[in-house]
N, C-alpha and C. Protein backbone atom coordinates (compact mmCIF):
# COMPACT_ATOMS: atom_id res chain seq x y z
N MET A 1 4.08 5.96 -11.52
CA MET A 1 5.29 6.50 -12.05
C MET A 1 6.11 7.00 -10.87
N PRO A 2 7.40 6.75 -10.86
CA PRO A 2 8.23 7.19 -9.73
C PRO A 2 8.24 8.70 -9.58
N ALA A 3 8.08 9.15 -8.32
CA ALA A 3 8.06 10.60 -8.03
C ALA A 3 9.37 11.25 -8.41
N ARG A 4 10.48 10.55 -8.19
CA ARG A 4 11.79 11.14 -8.52
C ARG A 4 11.89 11.43 -10.01
N PHE A 5 11.49 10.48 -10.83
CA PHE A 5 11.57 10.66 -12.29
C PHE A 5 10.74 11.85 -12.75
N VAL A 6 9.50 11.91 -12.30
CA VAL A 6 8.59 12.99 -12.73
C VAL A 6 9.08 14.34 -12.18
N GLY A 7 9.42 14.36 -10.89
CA GLY A 7 9.88 15.63 -10.28
C GLY A 7 11.12 16.18 -10.94
N GLU A 8 12.12 15.34 -11.12
CA GLU A 8 13.35 15.81 -11.73
C GLU A 8 13.17 16.18 -13.20
N ALA A 9 12.27 15.49 -13.88
CA ALA A 9 11.98 15.82 -15.28
C ALA A 9 11.36 17.23 -15.39
N LEU A 10 10.65 17.63 -14.33
CA LEU A 10 10.04 18.98 -14.32
C LEU A 10 10.94 20.03 -13.72
N GLY A 11 12.18 19.64 -13.29
CA GLY A 11 13.13 20.57 -12.72
C GLY A 11 13.03 20.72 -11.22
N ALA A 12 12.33 19.81 -10.56
CA ALA A 12 12.17 19.88 -9.11
C ALA A 12 13.32 19.16 -8.40
N ASN A 13 13.50 19.47 -7.13
CA ASN A 13 14.44 18.74 -6.27
C ASN A 13 13.64 17.67 -5.54
N VAL A 14 14.15 16.45 -5.54
CA VAL A 14 13.46 15.33 -4.92
C VAL A 14 14.38 14.69 -3.90
N SER A 15 13.83 14.41 -2.69
CA SER A 15 14.62 13.74 -1.67
C SER A 15 13.73 12.66 -1.03
N TRP A 16 14.41 11.70 -0.35
CA TRP A 16 13.71 10.57 0.29
C TRP A 16 14.15 10.50 1.74
N ASP A 17 13.19 10.44 2.66
CA ASP A 17 13.46 10.25 4.09
C ASP A 17 12.99 8.83 4.45
N ALA A 18 13.95 7.93 4.62
CA ALA A 18 13.64 6.53 4.86
C ALA A 18 12.97 6.29 6.23
N THR A 19 13.30 7.09 7.24
CA THR A 19 12.69 6.89 8.55
C THR A 19 11.23 7.26 8.55
N LYS A 20 10.87 8.31 7.83
CA LYS A 20 9.45 8.72 7.73
C LYS A 20 8.75 8.07 6.54
N ARG A 21 9.56 7.39 5.67
CA ARG A 21 9.05 6.79 4.43
C ARG A 21 8.30 7.84 3.63
N MET A 22 9.01 8.98 3.38
CA MET A 22 8.40 10.12 2.75
C MET A 22 9.34 10.68 1.67
N ALA A 23 8.76 10.98 0.52
CA ALA A 23 9.48 11.68 -0.52
C ALA A 23 9.09 13.17 -0.45
N SER A 24 10.05 14.05 -0.63
CA SER A 24 9.78 15.47 -0.68
C SER A 24 10.16 16.00 -2.07
N VAL A 25 9.22 16.69 -2.68
CA VAL A 25 9.42 17.28 -4.00
C VAL A 25 9.26 18.78 -3.86
N SER A 26 10.32 19.53 -4.18
CA SER A 26 10.23 20.99 -4.08
C SER A 26 10.54 21.62 -5.44
N LEU A 27 9.70 22.59 -5.77
CA LEU A 27 9.85 23.32 -7.03
C LEU A 27 9.51 24.78 -6.75
N GLY A 28 10.50 25.63 -6.73
CA GLY A 28 10.27 27.04 -6.37
C GLY A 28 9.83 27.15 -4.94
N ASP A 29 8.70 27.80 -4.70
CA ASP A 29 8.15 27.95 -3.35
C ASP A 29 7.19 26.83 -2.96
N THR A 30 7.05 25.84 -3.80
CA THR A 30 6.09 24.75 -3.56
C THR A 30 6.81 23.51 -3.05
N LEU A 31 6.27 22.94 -1.97
CA LEU A 31 6.84 21.70 -1.38
C LEU A 31 5.72 20.68 -1.31
N LEU A 32 5.97 19.51 -1.79
CA LEU A 32 5.01 18.40 -1.77
C LEU A 32 5.67 17.23 -1.04
N ASN A 33 5.01 16.76 0.02
CA ASN A 33 5.46 15.57 0.74
C ASN A 33 4.57 14.41 0.38
N ILE A 34 5.19 13.31 -0.03
CA ILE A 34 4.45 12.12 -0.44
C ILE A 34 4.84 11.00 0.50
N TYR A 35 3.87 10.48 1.23
CA TYR A 35 4.11 9.40 2.18
C TYR A 35 3.78 8.07 1.54
N GLU A 36 4.62 7.07 1.80
CA GLU A 36 4.37 5.72 1.30
C GLU A 36 3.25 5.11 2.12
N GLU A 37 2.28 4.57 1.42
CA GLU A 37 1.17 3.90 2.13
C GLU A 37 1.50 2.45 2.27
N LEU A 38 1.59 1.97 3.49
CA LEU A 38 1.91 0.59 3.75
C LEU A 38 0.63 -0.24 3.78
N PRO A 39 0.73 -1.50 3.38
CA PRO A 39 -0.48 -2.33 3.45
C PRO A 39 -0.94 -2.51 4.88
N PRO A 40 -2.23 -2.72 5.10
CA PRO A 40 -2.72 -2.89 6.46
C PRO A 40 -2.13 -4.17 7.09
N GLU A 41 -1.99 -4.14 8.40
CA GLU A 41 -1.51 -5.30 9.11
C GLU A 41 -2.56 -6.39 9.01
N PRO A 42 -2.15 -7.64 8.86
CA PRO A 42 -3.16 -8.71 8.80
C PRO A 42 -3.85 -8.86 10.15
N GLU A 43 -5.11 -9.21 10.08
CA GLU A 43 -5.90 -9.42 11.30
C GLU A 43 -5.77 -10.87 11.71
N ILE A 44 -5.39 -11.12 12.91
CA ILE A 44 -5.24 -12.48 13.43
C ILE A 44 -6.39 -12.73 14.40
N VAL A 45 -7.16 -13.79 14.11
CA VAL A 45 -8.31 -14.13 14.96
C VAL A 45 -7.94 -15.41 15.68
N ILE A 46 -8.00 -15.33 17.00
CA ILE A 46 -7.71 -16.50 17.84
C ILE A 46 -8.98 -16.94 18.56
N THR A 47 -9.29 -18.20 18.44
CA THR A 47 -10.46 -18.75 19.12
C THR A 47 -9.98 -19.95 19.93
N GLU A 48 -10.74 -20.22 20.99
CA GLU A 48 -10.40 -21.36 21.83
C GLU A 48 -10.88 -22.66 21.25
N ASN A 49 -12.04 -22.64 20.62
CA ASN A 49 -12.65 -23.88 20.08
C ASN A 49 -12.95 -23.66 18.60
N ILE A 50 -12.46 -24.58 17.79
CA ILE A 50 -12.83 -24.57 16.38
C ILE A 50 -13.72 -25.80 16.19
N SER A 51 -14.99 -25.55 15.82
CA SER A 51 -15.92 -26.65 15.75
C SER A 51 -15.93 -27.34 14.39
N HIS A 52 -15.58 -26.63 13.34
CA HIS A 52 -15.55 -27.24 12.00
C HIS A 52 -14.67 -26.41 11.07
N THR A 53 -14.29 -27.02 9.98
CA THR A 53 -13.53 -26.35 8.94
C THR A 53 -14.39 -26.31 7.68
N VAL A 54 -14.46 -25.17 7.04
CA VAL A 54 -15.27 -25.03 5.84
C VAL A 54 -14.34 -25.15 4.64
N TYR A 55 -14.71 -26.04 3.73
CA TYR A 55 -13.97 -26.23 2.51
C TYR A 55 -14.81 -25.74 1.34
N PRO A 56 -14.27 -24.90 0.46
CA PRO A 56 -15.07 -24.43 -0.67
C PRO A 56 -15.31 -25.59 -1.67
N ARG A 57 -16.43 -25.49 -2.39
CA ARG A 57 -16.71 -26.48 -3.40
C ARG A 57 -17.28 -25.82 -4.63
N VAL A 58 -17.15 -26.43 -5.75
CA VAL A 58 -17.65 -25.90 -7.02
C VAL A 58 -19.02 -26.50 -7.27
N VAL A 59 -19.99 -25.63 -7.58
CA VAL A 59 -21.33 -26.10 -7.94
C VAL A 59 -21.59 -25.67 -9.36
N ARG A 60 -21.96 -26.64 -10.20
CA ARG A 60 -22.22 -26.31 -11.63
C ARG A 60 -23.72 -26.34 -11.92
N ASN A 61 -24.15 -25.44 -12.72
CA ASN A 61 -25.56 -25.40 -13.20
C ASN A 61 -26.58 -25.46 -12.07
N GLY A 62 -26.27 -24.88 -10.94
CA GLY A 62 -27.22 -24.83 -9.84
C GLY A 62 -27.38 -26.15 -9.11
N GLY A 63 -26.58 -27.16 -9.41
CA GLY A 63 -26.68 -28.45 -8.75
C GLY A 63 -26.03 -28.44 -7.38
N ASN A 64 -26.18 -29.51 -6.64
CA ASN A 64 -25.57 -29.63 -5.33
C ASN A 64 -24.22 -30.26 -5.39
């Protein structure tokens, strides 16, 4: 659920800091900072020699 919708529905002030990718929700003396979690960077594996390529296959009823 969007933090802005919930915060403002409860009477809080909600702001967004795009450089920090952080939402701030304040209600009275309480301040809550919510940081956007970005997906991890993909891992790139570089090798000099590739000896084979593995292709997946479907095996039914334990057969080959």
